[in-house]
Every structure is written in structure tokens, then in C-alpha cells.
Amino acid sequence: MSNEIIINPVSEYQRLQIVEATNSCVEKAGGIFSRHFSLLTIDFDLRGKCAGMYQVRGKKRRIRTLRCQQQGNSVAGIHDLRKNCLVQHQ
């Protein structure tokens, strides 16, 4: 068994899935809190050990996430995210 780690870029289809799942969670949070939340920009520009982060700069808000994924990890969990998204930060 090889200890080699293979890194693949996140495909356009996977990016679309991530954006759709995130928007779904933002809309669900709006329903829970009876508020309208603007949809967030999602940038696939992170490198390193951090899988993702929420960033606020002035009035701009965005999510930054990895541009690549380790082979064996997939974005298949996005469908579960849609069903089970929880608002952890109020």
C-alpha cells in the first residue's frame, strides 16, 4: 500500500454542487431566523491545511475553500449537507 497522497483539482461540477449546497443552507437559515440573508461569494482559492473559512472585510462577506481535494475525499457529502445543514454561528 502506498503512502502517496494524490491531489486533484475540484471540478467545475463539484464547485457547482458546493455553491448550490451553500446557498441552500443560507436559505434554510433565513427560514429558521425569519430573516433574509444575502447569498455568499464562494472562492476556491485556499491552499494548505485549512479546509475552508468565512471571511468578512468591510461589507464584503465570502467563503474561501480549497481549490483541490485529496483523492478518496469527495464532494459526495454535499447532498447530506443540504439535508442536515445546521447553523452553528448566529
N, C-alpha and C. Protein backbone atom coordinates (compact mmCIF):
# COMPACT_ATOMS: atom_id res chain seq x y z
N MET A 1 0.84 -1.18 0.00
CA MET A 1 0.00 0.00 0.00
C MET A 1 0.88 1.24 0.00
N SER A 2 0.58 2.16 -0.85
CA SER A 2 1.39 3.37 -0.99
C SER A 2 0.90 4.46 -0.05
N ASN A 3 1.85 5.22 0.50
CA ASN A 3 1.52 6.36 1.35
C ASN A 3 1.43 7.64 0.54
N GLU A 4 1.48 7.50 -0.76
CA GLU A 4 1.45 8.66 -1.64
C GLU A 4 0.06 9.31 -1.61
N ILE A 5 0.03 10.62 -1.45
CA ILE A 5 -1.22 11.37 -1.45
C ILE A 5 -1.38 12.02 -2.81
N ILE A 6 -2.52 11.79 -3.44
CA ILE A 6 -2.80 12.36 -4.75
C ILE A 6 -3.80 13.48 -4.58
N ILE A 7 -3.46 14.65 -5.11
CA ILE A 7 -4.32 15.82 -5.00
C ILE A 7 -4.90 16.12 -6.37
N ASN A 8 -6.22 16.30 -6.43
CA ASN A 8 -6.91 16.61 -7.68
C ASN A 8 -7.61 17.96 -7.55
N PRO A 9 -7.64 18.74 -8.62
CA PRO A 9 -8.40 20.00 -8.57
C PRO A 9 -9.90 19.70 -8.43
N VAL A 10 -10.61 20.59 -7.75
CA VAL A 10 -12.06 20.47 -7.64
C VAL A 10 -12.64 20.78 -9.02
N SER A 11 -13.46 19.90 -9.54
CA SER A 11 -14.02 20.09 -10.89
C SER A 11 -15.09 21.18 -10.89
N GLU A 12 -15.43 21.65 -12.06
CA GLU A 12 -16.49 22.66 -12.19
C GLU A 12 -17.82 22.11 -11.67
N TYR A 13 -18.09 20.85 -11.93
CA TYR A 13 -19.33 20.23 -11.44
C TYR A 13 -19.34 20.22 -9.91
N GLN A 14 -18.20 19.86 -9.29
CA GLN A 14 -18.11 19.85 -7.84
C GLN A 14 -18.27 21.26 -7.27
N ARG A 15 -17.68 22.24 -7.94
CA ARG A 15 -17.83 23.64 -7.50
C ARG A 15 -19.30 24.04 -7.51
N LEU A 16 -20.00 23.67 -8.56
CA LEU A 16 -21.42 23.98 -8.67
C LEU A 16 -22.20 23.33 -7.53
N GLN A 17 -21.88 22.08 -7.22
CA GLN A 17 -22.54 21.38 -6.11
C GLN A 17 -22.29 22.10 -4.79
N ILE A 18 -21.08 22.55 -4.56
CA ILE A 18 -20.73 23.25 -3.32
C ILE A 18 -21.50 24.56 -3.22
N VAL A 19 -21.54 25.32 -4.32
CA VAL A 19 -22.27 26.59 -4.32
C VAL A 19 -23.75 26.37 -4.06
N GLU A 20 -24.34 25.39 -4.74
CA GLU A 20 -25.77 25.10 -4.55
C GLU A 20 -26.08 24.67 -3.11
N ALA A 21 -25.22 23.81 -2.54
CA ALA A 21 -25.45 23.35 -1.17
C ALA A 21 -25.31 24.50 -0.18
N THR A 22 -24.34 25.37 -0.41
CA THR A 22 -24.15 26.52 0.48
C THR A 22 -25.35 27.45 0.40
N ASN A 23 -25.80 27.75 -0.81
CA ASN A 23 -26.97 28.62 -0.98
C ASN A 23 -28.20 28.01 -0.31
N SER A 24 -28.35 26.70 -0.40
CA SER A 24 -29.47 26.02 0.23
C SER A 24 -29.42 26.20 1.75
N CYS A 25 -28.24 26.09 2.32
CA CYS A 25 -28.09 26.25 3.78
C CYS A 25 -28.36 27.69 4.20
N VAL A 26 -27.92 28.66 3.41
CA VAL A 26 -28.17 30.07 3.72
C VAL A 26 -29.67 30.34 3.68
N GLU A 27 -30.36 29.81 2.69
CA GLU A 27 -31.81 29.98 2.60
C GLU A 27 -32.52 29.30 3.77
N LYS A 28 -32.05 28.12 4.16
CA LYS A 28 -32.64 27.42 5.30
C LYS A 28 -32.45 28.23 6.58
N ALA A 29 -31.27 28.81 6.76
CA ALA A 29 -31.02 29.65 7.94
C ALA A 29 -31.96 30.85 7.95
N GLY A 30 -32.20 31.44 6.78
CA GLY A 30 -33.14 32.55 6.69
C GLY A 30 -34.53 32.16 7.16
N GLY A 31 -34.95 30.96 6.80
CA GLY A 31 -36.25 30.47 7.24
C GLY A 31 -36.29 30.24 8.75
N ILE A 32 -35.22 29.69 9.29
CA ILE A 32 -35.15 29.42 10.73
C ILE A 32 -35.23 30.72 11.53
N PHE A 33 -34.51 31.75 11.06
CA PHE A 33 -34.44 33.00 11.80
C PHE A 33 -35.42 34.06 11.29
N SER A 34 -36.27 33.69 10.34
CA SER A 34 -37.24 34.63 9.74
C SER A 34 -36.55 35.90 9.27
N ARG A 35 -35.44 35.72 8.58
CA ARG A 35 -34.65 36.84 8.05
C ARG A 35 -34.20 36.49 6.64
N HIS A 36 -33.83 37.52 5.91
CA HIS A 36 -33.23 37.31 4.58
C HIS A 36 -31.73 37.48 4.71
N PHE A 37 -30.99 36.48 4.31
CA PHE A 37 -29.53 36.55 4.28
C PHE A 37 -29.08 36.57 2.83
N SER A 38 -28.20 37.49 2.49
CA SER A 38 -27.66 37.54 1.13
C SER A 38 -26.82 36.29 0.88
N LEU A 39 -26.86 35.82 -0.35
CA LEU A 39 -26.02 34.67 -0.72
C LEU A 39 -24.57 35.11 -0.70
N LEU A 40 -23.70 34.18 -0.41
CA LEU A 40 -22.28 34.48 -0.25
C LEU A 40 -21.50 34.13 -1.50
N THR A 41 -20.45 34.88 -1.73
CA THR A 41 -19.48 34.53 -2.76
C THR A 41 -18.65 33.37 -2.23
N ILE A 42 -18.38 32.40 -3.06
CA ILE A 42 -17.53 31.28 -2.67
C ILE A 42 -16.33 31.28 -3.61
N ASP A 43 -15.16 31.45 -3.02
CA ASP A 43 -13.92 31.45 -3.79
C ASP A 43 -13.14 30.18 -3.48
N PHE A 44 -12.69 29.52 -4.52
CA PHE A 44 -11.92 28.29 -4.39
C PHE A 44 -10.44 28.64 -4.52
N ASP A 45 -9.91 29.33 -3.50
CA ASP A 45 -8.55 29.85 -3.62
C ASP A 45 -7.65 29.52 -2.43
N LEU A 46 -8.10 28.68 -1.52
CA LEU A 46 -7.27 28.34 -0.37
C LEU A 46 -6.26 27.27 -0.71
N ARG A 47 -5.14 27.33 -0.03
CA ARG A 47 -4.12 26.29 -0.09
C ARG A 47 -3.71 25.98 1.33
N GLY A 48 -3.18 24.80 1.57
CA GLY A 48 -2.70 24.46 2.90
C GLY A 48 -3.63 23.55 3.66
N LYS A 49 -3.59 23.65 4.98
CA LYS A 49 -4.30 22.71 5.84
C LYS A 49 -5.72 23.13 6.15
N CYS A 50 -6.06 24.37 5.97
CA CYS A 50 -7.40 24.87 6.28
C CYS A 50 -8.37 24.44 5.17
N ALA A 51 -9.45 23.76 5.54
CA ALA A 51 -10.40 23.29 4.52
C ALA A 51 -11.32 24.40 4.03
N GLY A 52 -11.53 25.39 4.85
CA GLY A 52 -12.41 26.48 4.44
C GLY A 52 -12.51 27.53 5.53
N MET A 53 -12.95 28.71 5.15
CA MET A 53 -13.09 29.78 6.13
C MET A 53 -14.13 30.79 5.67
N TYR A 54 -14.74 31.45 6.64
CA TYR A 54 -15.68 32.54 6.38
C TYR A 54 -14.90 33.82 6.61
N GLN A 55 -15.00 34.77 5.69
CA GLN A 55 -14.21 35.99 5.79
C GLN A 55 -15.10 37.21 5.62
N VAL A 56 -14.87 38.21 6.48
CA VAL A 56 -15.58 39.49 6.39
C VAL A 56 -14.53 40.57 6.26
N ARG A 57 -14.67 41.39 5.23
CA ARG A 57 -13.81 42.56 5.04
C ARG A 57 -14.71 43.72 4.70
N GLY A 58 -14.92 44.60 5.67
CA GLY A 58 -15.86 45.70 5.46
C GLY A 58 -17.26 45.13 5.28
N LYS A 59 -17.89 45.48 4.16
CA LYS A 59 -19.24 44.96 3.88
C LYS A 59 -19.20 43.71 3.02
N LYS A 60 -18.01 43.28 2.61
CA LYS A 60 -17.89 42.08 1.78
C LYS A 60 -17.76 40.84 2.65
N ARG A 61 -18.57 39.84 2.32
CA ARG A 61 -18.55 38.57 3.04
C ARG A 61 -18.37 37.46 2.01
N ARG A 62 -17.53 36.49 2.36
CA ARG A 62 -17.31 35.39 1.42
C ARG A 62 -16.86 34.15 2.17
N ILE A 63 -16.94 33.05 1.48
CA ILE A 63 -16.41 31.78 1.96
C ILE A 63 -15.23 31.44 1.07
N ARG A 64 -14.12 31.09 1.70
CA ARG A 64 -12.95 30.62 0.95
C ARG A 64 -12.80 29.14 1.23
N THR A 65 -12.55 28.36 0.20
CA THR A 65 -12.39 26.93 0.38
C THR A 65 -11.25 26.42 -0.50
N LEU A 66 -10.85 25.19 -0.27
CA LEU A 66 -9.73 24.61 -1.02
C LEU A 66 -10.04 24.50 -2.50
N ARG A 67 -9.02 24.69 -3.30
CA ARG A 67 -9.18 24.53 -4.75
C ARG A 67 -8.90 23.09 -5.19
N CYS A 68 -8.38 22.28 -4.28
CA CYS A 68 -8.06 20.89 -4.59
C CYS A 68 -8.61 19.99 -3.51
N GLN A 69 -8.70 18.71 -3.84
CA GLN A 69 -9.15 17.73 -2.85
C GLN A 69 -8.24 16.53 -2.91
N GLN A 70 -8.07 15.89 -1.76
CA GLN A 70 -7.27 14.68 -1.69
C GLN A 70 -8.05 13.54 -2.30
N GLN A 71 -7.38 12.72 -3.10
CA GLN A 71 -8.08 11.58 -3.69
C GLN A 71 -8.63 10.71 -2.58
N GLY A 72 -9.87 10.26 -2.77
CA GLY A 72 -10.55 9.47 -1.75
C GLY A 72 -11.55 10.32 -0.98
N ASN A 73 -11.28 11.62 -0.88
CA ASN A 73 -12.26 12.54 -0.30
C ASN A 73 -13.07 13.07 -1.46
N SER A 74 -14.35 13.14 -1.32
CA SER A 74 -15.15 13.62 -2.43
C SER A 74 -16.16 14.65 -1.96
N VAL A 75 -16.80 15.25 -2.90
CA VAL A 75 -17.82 16.23 -2.59
C VAL A 75 -19.18 15.54 -2.56
N ALA A 76 -19.18 14.22 -2.51
CA ALA A 76 -20.44 13.48 -2.49
C ALA A 76 -21.26 13.80 -1.25
N GLY A 77 -20.59 14.21 -0.19
CA GLY A 77 -21.29 14.55 1.04
C GLY A 77 -22.12 15.82 0.93
N ILE A 78 -22.05 16.51 -0.19
CA ILE A 78 -22.80 17.73 -0.39
C ILE A 78 -24.30 17.46 -0.25
N HIS A 79 -24.77 16.34 -0.75
CA HIS A 79 -26.20 16.03 -0.65
C HIS A 79 -26.61 15.89 0.82
N ASP A 80 -25.74 15.30 1.64
CA ASP A 80 -26.02 15.20 3.07
C ASP A 80 -26.00 16.59 3.70
N LEU A 81 -25.10 17.45 3.24
CA LEU A 81 -25.02 18.80 3.76
C LEU A 81 -26.34 19.54 3.55
N ARG A 82 -26.94 19.37 2.37
CA ARG A 82 -28.22 20.02 2.09
C ARG A 82 -29.29 19.57 3.08
N LYS A 83 -29.29 18.27 3.39
CA LYS A 83 -30.33 17.72 4.26
C LYS A 83 -30.09 18.08 5.72
N ASN A 84 -28.84 18.17 6.10
CA ASN A 84 -28.51 18.28 7.53
C ASN A 84 -27.82 19.57 7.91
N CYS A 85 -27.85 20.59 7.05
CA CYS A 85 -27.10 21.80 7.38
C CYS A 85 -27.62 22.42 8.67
N LEU A 86 -26.71 22.78 9.51
CA LEU A 86 -27.03 23.37 10.79
C LEU A 86 -26.39 24.74 10.85
N VAL A 87 -27.06 25.67 11.48
CA VAL A 87 -26.50 27.00 11.65
C VAL A 87 -25.73 26.97 12.97
N GLN A 88 -24.41 27.05 12.90
CA GLN A 88 -23.59 26.97 14.10
C GLN A 88 -23.20 28.35 14.61
N HIS A 89 -23.14 29.32 13.74
CA HIS A 89 -22.76 30.68 14.14
C HIS A 89 -23.94 31.59 13.89
N GLN A 90 -24.36 32.30 14.91
CA GLN A 90 -25.50 33.19 14.78
C GLN A 90 -25.06 34.61 14.66
